[in-house]
PDB file of N, CA and C in Angstrom:
ATOM      1  N   MET A   1      24.970 -78.047-156.132  1.00  0.00           N
ATOM      2  CA  MET A   1      25.046 -77.966-157.485  1.00  0.00           C
ATOM      3  C   MET A   1      25.859 -77.217-158.495  1.00  0.00           C
ATOM      4  N   ASN A   2      26.710 -77.567-159.530  1.00  0.00           N
ATOM      5  CA  ASN A   2      27.042 -76.674-160.306  1.00  0.00           C
ATOM      6  C   ASN A   2      26.346 -76.402-161.613  1.00  0.00           C
ATOM      7  N   ASN A   3      26.505 -74.698-161.821  1.00  0.00           N
ATOM      8  CA  ASN A   3      25.423 -74.609-163.171  1.00  0.00           C
ATOM      9  C   ASN A   3      26.587 -73.997-164.066  1.00  0.00           C
ATOM     10  N   ASN A   4      26.390 -74.384-165.411  1.00  0.00           N
ATOM     11  CA  ASN A   4      27.122 -73.946-166.379  1.00  0.00           C
ATOM     12  C   ASN A   4      26.775 -72.674-167.047  1.00  0.00           C
ATOM     13  N   GLN A   5      27.040 -72.172-168.210  1.00  0.00           N
ATOM     14  CA  GLN A   5      26.872 -70.968-168.681  1.00  0.00           C
ATOM     15  C   GLN A   5      25.504 -70.898-169.532  1.00  0.00           C
ATOM     16  N   LYS A   6      24.948 -72.248-169.724  1.00  0.00           N
ATOM     17  CA  LYS A   6      23.803 -72.385-170.687  1.00  0.00           C
ATOM     18  C   LYS A   6      22.476 -72.747-169.625  1.00  0.00           C
ATOM     19  N   GLY A   7      22.799 -72.692-168.427  1.00  0.00           N
ATOM     20  CA  GLY A   7      21.631 -72.676-167.557  1.00  0.00           C
ATOM     21  C   GLY A   7      21.606 -74.411-167.338  1.00  0.00           C
ATOM     22  N   VAL A   8      22.214 -75.194-167.574  1.00  0.00           N
ATOM     23  CA  VAL A   8      22.003 -76.631-167.330  1.00  0.00           C
ATOM     24  C   VAL A   8      22.783 -76.933-166.182  1.00  0.00           C
ATOM     25  N   TYR A   9      22.144 -77.660-165.081  1.00  0.00           N
ATOM     26  CA  TYR A   9      22.641 -78.081-163.831  1.00  0.00           C
ATOM     27  C   TYR A   9      23.325 -79.325-163.839  1.00  0.00           C
ATOM     28  N   HIS A  10      24.517 -79.481-163.158  1.00  0.00           N
ATOM     29  CA  HIS A  10      25.132 -80.883-162.861  1.00  0.00           C
ATOM     30  C   HIS A  10      25.325 -81.021-161.626  1.00  0.00           C
ATOM     31  N   THR A  11      24.907 -82.416-161.007  1.00  0.00           N
ATOM     32  CA  THR A  11      25.326 -82.495-159.895  1.00  0.00           C
ATOM     33  C   THR A  11      26.789 -83.431-159.920  1.00  0.00           C
ATOM     34  N   MET A  12      27.243 -83.521-158.604  1.00  0.00           N
ATOM     35  CA  MET A  12      28.459 -84.040-158.364  1.00  0.00           C
ATOM     36  C   MET A  12      28.274 -85.598-158.178  1.00  0.00           C
ATOM     37  N   THR A  13      29.300 -86.265-158.637  1.00  0.00           N
ATOM     38  CA  THR A  13      29.375 -87.606-158.509  1.00  0.00           C
ATOM     39  C   THR A  13      29.288 -88.015-157.175  1.00  0.00           C
ATOM     40  N   ASP A  14      28.264 -89.049-157.216  1.00  0.00           N
ATOM     41  CA  ASP A  14      28.208 -89.575-155.554  1.00  0.00           C
ATOM     42  C   ASP A  14      29.355 -90.419-155.047  1.00  0.00           C
ATOM     43  N   ILE A  15      30.095 -89.782-154.075  1.00  0.00           N
ATOM     44  CA  ILE A  15      31.437 -90.232-153.749  1.00  0.00           C
ATOM     45  C   ILE A  15      31.353 -91.441-152.994  1.00  0.00           C
ATOM     46  N   SER A  16      30.260 -91.708-152.463  1.00  0.00           N
ATOM     47  CA  SER A  16      29.979 -92.855-151.744  1.00  0.00           C
ATOM     48  C   SER A  16      29.905 -94.335-152.501  1.00  0.00           C
ATOM     49  N   LYS A  17      29.713 -94.123-153.709  1.00  0.00           N
ATOM     50  CA  LYS A  17      29.562 -95.062-154.798  1.00  0.00           C
ATOM     51  C   LYS A  17      30.878 -95.320-155.686  1.00  0.00           C
ATOM     52  N   TYR A  18      31.581 -94.422-155.931  1.00  0.00           N
ATOM     53  CA  TYR A  18      32.594 -94.434-156.758  1.00  0.00           C
ATOM     54  C   TYR A  18      33.874 -93.995-156.199  1.00  0.00           C
ATOM     55  N   LYS A  19      35.119 -94.643-156.757  1.00  0.00           N
ATOM     56  CA  LYS A  19      36.658 -94.031-156.417  1.00  0.00           C
ATOM     57  C   LYS A  19      37.052 -94.016-157.775  1.00  0.00           C
ATOM     58  N   ASN A  20      38.387 -93.111-157.423  1.00  0.00           N
ATOM     59  CA  ASN A  20      38.984 -92.633-158.737  1.00  0.00           C
ATOM     60  C   ASN A  20      40.325 -93.519-158.699  1.00  0.00           C
ATOM     61  N   VAL A  21      40.985 -93.786-160.339  1.00  0.00           N
ATOM     62  CA  VAL A  21      42.140 -94.151-160.509  1.00  0.00           C
ATOM     63  C   VAL A  21      42.881 -93.356-161.219  1.00  0.00           C
ATOM     64  N   SER A  22      44.345 -93.414-161.287  1.00  0.00           N
ATOM     65  CA  SER A  22      45.135 -92.585-162.014  1.00  0.00           C
ATOM     66  C   SER A  22      45.578 -93.498-163.035  1.00  0.00           C
ATOM     67  N   LEU A  23      45.838 -93.278-164.114  1.00  0.00           N
ATOM     68  CA  LEU A  23      46.383 -94.274-165.612  1.00  0.00           C
ATOM     69  C   LEU A  23      47.419 -93.555-166.201  1.00  0.00           C
ATOM     70  N   SER A  24      48.642 -94.242-166.777  1.00  0.00           N
ATOM     71  CA  SER A  24      49.338 -93.750-167.630  1.00  0.00           C
ATOM     72  C   SER A  24      48.499 -93.489-168.836  1.00  0.00           C
ATOM     73  N   HIS A  25      49.266 -92.232-169.653  1.00  0.00           N
ATOM     74  CA  HIS A  25      48.529 -92.017-170.662  1.00  0.00           C
ATOM     75  C   HIS A  25      48.565 -93.346-171.846  1.00  0.00           C
ATOM     76  N   ASP A  26      49.554 -94.046-171.799  1.00  0.00           N
ATOM     77  CA  ASP A  26      49.252 -95.299-172.604  1.00  0.00           C
ATOM     78  C   ASP A  26      48.270 -96.132-172.191  1.00  0.00           C
ATOM     79  N   THR A  27      47.904 -96.436-171.038  1.00  0.00           N
ATOM     80  CA  THR A  27      46.880 -97.174-170.534  1.00  0.00           C
ATOM     81  C   THR A  27      45.749 -96.756-170.982  1.00  0.00           C
ATOM     82  N   TYR A  28      45.381 -95.143-170.787  1.00  0.00           N
ATOM     83  CA  TYR A  28      44.152 -94.532-170.668  1.00  0.00           C
ATOM     84  C   TYR A  28      43.978 -94.689-172.438  1.00  0.00           C
ATOM     85  N   ASN A  29      44.895 -94.416-173.428  1.00  0.00           N
ATOM     86  CA  ASN A  29      44.682 -94.686-174.741  1.00  0.00           C
ATOM     87  C   ASN A  29      44.344 -96.062-175.111  1.00  0.00           C
ATOM     88  N   LEU A  30      44.766 -97.068-174.359  1.00  0.00           N
ATOM     89  CA  LEU A  30      44.475 -98.522-174.744  1.00  0.00           C
ATOM     90  C   LEU A  30      42.656 -98.690-174.116  1.00  0.00           C
ATOM     91  N   ILE A  31      42.592 -98.332-173.073  1.00  0.00           N
ATOM     92  CA  ILE A  31      41.268 -98.514-172.636  1.00  0.00           C
ATOM     93  C   ILE A  31      40.194 -97.778-173.862  1.00  0.00           C
ATOM     94  N   ASP A  32      40.919 -96.552-174.189  1.00  0.00           N
ATOM     95  CA  ASP A  32      39.573 -95.822-175.003  1.00  0.00           C
ATOM     96  C   ASP A  32      39.484 -96.551-176.266  1.00  0.00           C
ATOM     97  N   LYS A  33      40.745 -97.128-177.046  1.00  0.00           N
ATOM     98  CA  LYS A  33      40.582 -98.126-177.917  1.00  0.00           C
ATOM     99  C   LYS A  33      39.588 -99.128-177.855  1.00  0.00           C
ATOM    100  N   MET A  34      39.730-100.142-176.619  1.00  0.00           N
ATOM    101  CA  MET A  34      38.926-101.129-176.335  1.00  0.00           C
ATOM    102  C   MET A  34      37.211-100.660-176.140  1.00  0.00           C
ATOM    103  N   ARG A  35      37.162 -99.569-175.928  1.00  0.00           N
ATOM    104  CA  ARG A  35      35.743 -99.441-175.094  1.00  0.00           C
ATOM    105  C   ARG A  35      34.803 -99.030-176.559  1.00  0.00           C
ATOM    106  N   LYS A  36      35.753 -99.001-177.725  1.00  0.00           N
ATOM    107  CA  LYS A  36      35.111 -98.795-178.944  1.00  0.00           C
ATOM    108  C   LYS A  36      34.755-100.221-179.925  1.00  0.00           C
ATOM    109  N   ASN A  37      33.711-100.758-179.325  1.00  0.00           N
ATOM    110  CA  ASN A  37      33.346-101.932-180.158  1.00  0.00           C
ATOM    111  C   ASN A  37      34.189-103.250-179.776  1.00  0.00           C
ATOM    112  N   MET A  38      35.109-103.386-179.094  1.00  0.00           N
ATOM    113  CA  MET A  38      36.081-104.487-178.738  1.00  0.00           C
ATOM    114  C   MET A  38      35.453-105.155-177.766  1.00  0.00           C
ATOM    115  N   LEU A  39      34.786-104.804-176.837  1.00  0.00           N
ATOM    116  CA  LEU A  39      34.369-105.615-175.697  1.00  0.00           C
ATOM    117  C   LEU A  39      32.922-105.997-175.593  1.00  0.00           C
ATOM    118  N   VAL A  40      32.003-105.123-176.025  1.00  0.00           N
ATOM    119  CA  VAL A  40      30.543-105.607-176.211  1.00  0.00           C
ATOM    120  C   VAL A  40      30.273-105.106-177.970  1.00  0.00           C
ATOM    121  N   PRO A  41      30.009-105.995-178.649  1.00  0.00           N
ATOM    122  CA  PRO A  41      29.689-105.838-180.250  1.00  0.00           C
ATOM    123  C   PRO A  41      28.821-104.673-180.429  1.00  0.00           C
ATOM    124  N   ASN A  42      29.189-103.930-181.412  1.00  0.00           N
ATOM    125  CA  ASN A  42      28.200-102.624-181.766  1.00  0.00           C
ATOM    126  C   ASN A  42      27.594-101.831-180.632  1.00  0.00           C
ATOM    127  N   THR A  43      28.556-101.664-179.819  1.00  0.00           N
ATOM    128  CA  THR A  43      28.311-100.718-178.550  1.00  0.00           C
ATOM    129  C   THR A  43      29.650-100.073-177.892  1.00  0.00           C
ATOM    130  N   ILE A  44      29.552 -98.964-177.772  1.00  0.00           N
ATOM    131  CA  ILE A  44      30.559 -98.160-177.107  1.00  0.00           C
ATOM    132  C   ILE A  44      30.325 -97.867-175.700  1.00  0.00           C
ATOM    133  N   VAL A  45      31.244 -98.527-174.578  1.00  0.00           N
ATOM    134  CA  VAL A  45      31.065 -98.602-173.474  1.00  0.00           C
ATOM    135  C   VAL A  45      31.923 -97.369-172.855  1.00  0.00           C
ATOM    136  N   SER A  46      31.812 -97.101-171.695  1.00  0.00           N
ATOM    137  CA  SER A  46      32.383 -96.508-170.772  1.00  0.00           C
ATOM    138  C   SER A  46      33.985 -96.888-170.302  1.00  0.00           C
ATOM    139  N   ARG A  47      34.587 -95.952-170.455  1.00  0.00           N
ATOM    140  CA  ARG A  47      35.979 -96.384-169.652  1.00  0.00           C
ATOM    141  C   ARG A  47      36.030 -97.015-168.515  1.00  0.00           C
ATOM    142  N   ALA A  48      35.118 -96.422-167.323  1.00  0.00           N
ATOM    143  CA  ALA A  48      34.813 -97.305-166.337  1.00  0.00           C
ATOM    144  C   ALA A  48      34.311 -98.575-166.394  1.00  0.00           C
ATOM    145  N   GLN A  49      33.361 -98.621-167.447  1.00  0.00           N
ATOM    146  CA  GLN A  49      33.009-100.090-167.673  1.00  0.00           C
ATOM    147  C   GLN A  49      34.070-101.118-168.489  1.00  0.00           C
ATOM    148  N   VAL A  50      34.896-100.454-168.983  1.00  0.00           N
ATOM    149  CA  VAL A  50      35.928-101.548-169.736  1.00  0.00           C
ATOM    150  C   VAL A  50      36.841-101.803-168.494  1.00  0.00           C
ATOM    151  N   ILE A  51      37.388-100.836-167.567  1.00  0.00           N
ATOM    152  CA  ILE A  51      37.752-101.392-166.176  1.00  0.00           C
ATOM    153  C   ILE A  51      37.136-102.609-165.694  1.00  0.00           C
ATOM    154  N   ASN A  52      35.891-102.258-165.460  1.00  0.00           N
ATOM    155  CA  ASN A  52      35.015-103.100-164.491  1.00  0.00           C
ATOM    156  C   ASN A  52      34.899-104.527-165.248  1.00  0.00           C
ATOM    157  N   ILE A  53      34.652-104.553-166.683  1.00  0.00           N
ATOM    158  CA  ILE A  53      34.596-105.844-167.221  1.00  0.00           C
ATOM    159  C   ILE A  53      35.980-106.599-167.450  1.00  0.00           C
ATOM    160  N   LEU A  54      37.061-105.825-167.659  1.00  0.00           N
ATOM    161  CA  LEU A  54      38.377-106.800-167.418  1.00  0.00           C
ATOM    162  C   LEU A  54      38.758-106.990-166.187  1.00  0.00           C
ATOM    163  N   VAL A  55      38.470-106.262-164.699  1.00  0.00           N
ATOM    164  CA  VAL A  55      38.731-106.674-163.538  1.00  0.00           C
ATOM    165  C   VAL A  55      37.752-107.981-163.345  1.00  0.00           C
ATOM    166  N   ASN A  56      36.501-107.869-163.642  1.00  0.00           N
ATOM    167  CA  ASN A  56      35.746-108.940-163.111  1.00  0.00           C
ATOM    168  C   ASN A  56      35.991-110.526-163.825  1.00  0.00           C
ATOM    169  N   GLU A  57      36.599-109.944-165.244  1.00  0.00           N
ATOM    170  CA  GLU A  57      36.890-111.557-166.094  1.00  0.00           C
ATOM    171  C   GLU A  57      38.076-111.950-165.395  1.00  0.00           C
ATOM    172  N   LYS A  58      39.374-111.169-164.818  1.00  0.00           N
ATOM    173  CA  LYS A  58      40.292-111.852-164.397  1.00  0.00           C
ATOM    174  C   LYS A  58      40.237-112.119-162.927  1.00  0.00           C
ATOM    175  N   ALA A  59      38.793-111.625-162.166  1.00  0.00           N
ATOM    176  CA  ALA A  59      38.904-112.270-160.911  1.00  0.00           C
ATOM    177  C   ALA A  59      38.124-113.920-161.085  1.00  0.00           C
ATOM    178  N   LYS A  60      37.145-113.972-162.185  1.00  0.00           N
ATOM    179  CA  LYS A  60      36.609-114.958-162.341  1.00  0.00           C
ATOM    180  C   LYS A  60      37.526-116.018-162.702  1.00  0.00           C
ATOM    181  N   LYS A  61      38.772-115.827-163.735  1.00  0.00           N
ATOM    182  CA  LYS A  61      39.870-116.571-163.665  1.00  0.00           C
ATOM    183  C   LYS A  61      40.834-116.913-162.820  1.00  0.00           C
ATOM    184  N   LEU A  62      40.725-116.111-161.647  1.00  0.00           N
ATOM    185  CA  LEU A  62      41.577-116.370-160.448  1.00  0.00           C
ATOM    186  C   LEU A  62      40.614-117.267-159.360  1.00  0.00           C
ATOM    187  N   ASN A  63      39.247-117.585-159.955  1.00  0.00           N
ATOM    188  CA  ASN A  63      38.331-118.838-159.268  1.00  0.00           C
ATOM    189  C   ASN A  63      38.530-118.615-157.704  1.00  0.00           C
ATOM    190  N   GLY A  64      38.477-117.707-157.393  1.00  0.00           N
ATOM    191  CA  GLY A  64      37.987-117.286-155.848  1.00  0.00           C
ATOM    192  C   GLY A  64      39.431-117.124-155.134  1.00  0.00           C
ATOM    193  N   ARG A  65      40.458-117.011-155.694  1.00  0.00           N
ATOM    194  CA  ARG A  65      41.612-116.713-155.147  1.00  0.00           C
ATOM    195  C   ARG A  65      41.833-115.069-154.666  1.00  0.00           C
ATOM    196  N   VAL A  66      40.796-114.384-155.174  1.00  0.00           N
ATOM    197  CA  VAL A  66      40.895-112.954-154.590  1.00  0.00           C
ATOM    198  C   VAL A  66      39.879-112.694-152.996  1.00  0.00           C
ATOM    199  N   ASP A  67      40.449-112.066-152.352  1.00  0.00           N
ATOM    200  CA  ASP A  67      40.034-111.898-151.277  1.00  0.00           C
ATOM    201  C   ASP A  67      38.811-110.978-151.168  1.00  0.00           C
ATOM    202  N   LYS A  68      37.735-110.954-150.946  1.00  0.00           N
ATOM    203  CA  LYS A  68      36.612-110.147-151.157  1.00  0.00           C
ATOM    204  C   LYS A  68      36.249-109.660-149.818  1.00  0.00           C
ATOM    205  N   LYS A  69      36.719-108.185-149.619  1.00  0.00           N
ATOM    206  CA  LYS A  69      36.425-107.789-148.031  1.00  0.00           C
ATOM    207  C   LYS A  69      35.645-106.507-148.406  1.00  0.00           C
TER     208      LYS A  69
END
Protein backbone atom coordinates (compact mmCIF):
# COMPACT_ATOMS: atom_id res chain seq x y z
CA MET A 1 0.00 0.00 0.00
CA ASN A 2 1.07 3.54 -0.66
CA ASN A 3 0.36 6.27 1.82
CA ASN A 4 0.16 9.96 1.07
CA GLN A 5 1.03 12.90 3.30
CA LYS A 6 -2.39 13.05 4.96
CA GLY A 7 -2.25 9.45 6.17
CA VAL A 8 -4.80 8.12 3.67
CA TYR A 9 -3.94 4.70 2.29
CA HIS A 10 -4.45 3.80 -1.35
CA THR A 11 -4.32 0.31 -2.80
CA MET A 12 -2.88 -0.48 -6.19
CA THR A 13 -5.19 -1.41 -9.07
CA ASP A 14 -5.82 -5.15 -9.36
CA ILE A 15 -3.83 -5.91 -12.54
CA SER A 16 -5.60 -9.25 -12.94
CA LYS A 17 -8.85 -7.37 -13.70
CA TYR A 18 -7.73 -4.34 -15.73
CA LYS A 19 -5.54 -3.41 -18.69
CA ASN A 20 -4.15 -0.05 -19.77
CA VAL A 21 -4.45 1.71 -23.15
CA SER A 22 -2.69 4.75 -24.58
CA LEU A 23 -4.74 7.37 -26.36
CA SER A 24 -3.92 10.44 -28.37
CA HIS A 25 -4.65 13.73 -26.66
CA ASP A 26 -7.48 14.39 -29.13
CA THR A 27 -9.14 11.05 -28.35
CA TYR A 28 -8.69 11.55 -24.60
CA ASN A 29 -10.31 15.00 -24.83
CA LEU A 30 -13.19 13.62 -26.88
CA ILE A 31 -13.79 10.88 -24.30
CA ASP A 32 -13.67 13.52 -21.57
CA LYS A 33 -16.45 15.48 -23.32
CA MET A 34 -18.52 12.34 -23.90
CA ARG A 35 -18.37 11.25 -20.27
CA LYS A 36 -20.16 14.38 -19.10
CA ASN A 37 -23.86 13.79 -19.76
CA MET A 38 -23.66 12.49 -23.32
CA LEU A 39 -23.86 8.73 -22.82
CA VAL A 40 -25.92 8.39 -19.65
CA PRO A 41 -28.36 11.26 -19.02
CA ASN A 42 -27.68 13.34 -15.88
CA THR A 43 -24.64 11.22 -15.03
CA ILE A 44 -20.89 11.65 -15.38
CA VAL A 45 -19.30 8.28 -16.09
CA SER A 46 -15.63 7.40 -15.93
CA ARG A 47 -13.45 7.50 -19.02
CA ALA A 48 -13.06 3.73 -18.75
CA GLN A 49 -16.83 3.33 -18.72
CA VAL A 50 -17.15 5.48 -21.86
CA ILE A 51 -14.78 3.11 -23.63
CA ASN A 52 -16.71 0.07 -22.30
CA ILE A 53 -20.03 1.49 -23.52
CA LEU A 54 -18.73 2.37 -26.98
CA VAL A 55 -16.92 -0.94 -27.51
CA ASN A 56 -19.93 -2.97 -26.35
CA GLU A 57 -22.26 -0.98 -28.65
CA LYS A 58 -19.93 -1.62 -31.60
CA ALA A 59 -19.64 -5.32 -30.76
CA LYS A 60 -23.42 -5.60 -30.64
CA LYS A 61 -23.68 -3.95 -34.10
CA LEU A 62 -21.16 -6.47 -35.45
CA ASN A 63 -23.70 -9.11 -34.45
CA GLY A 64 -21.37 -11.88 -33.33
CA ARG A 65 -18.66 -11.29 -35.93
CA VAL A 66 -16.21 -10.54 -33.11
CA ASP A 67 -14.32 -13.61 -31.96
CA LYS A 68 -14.61 -13.75 -28.16
CA LYS A 69 -11.54 -15.59 -26.86
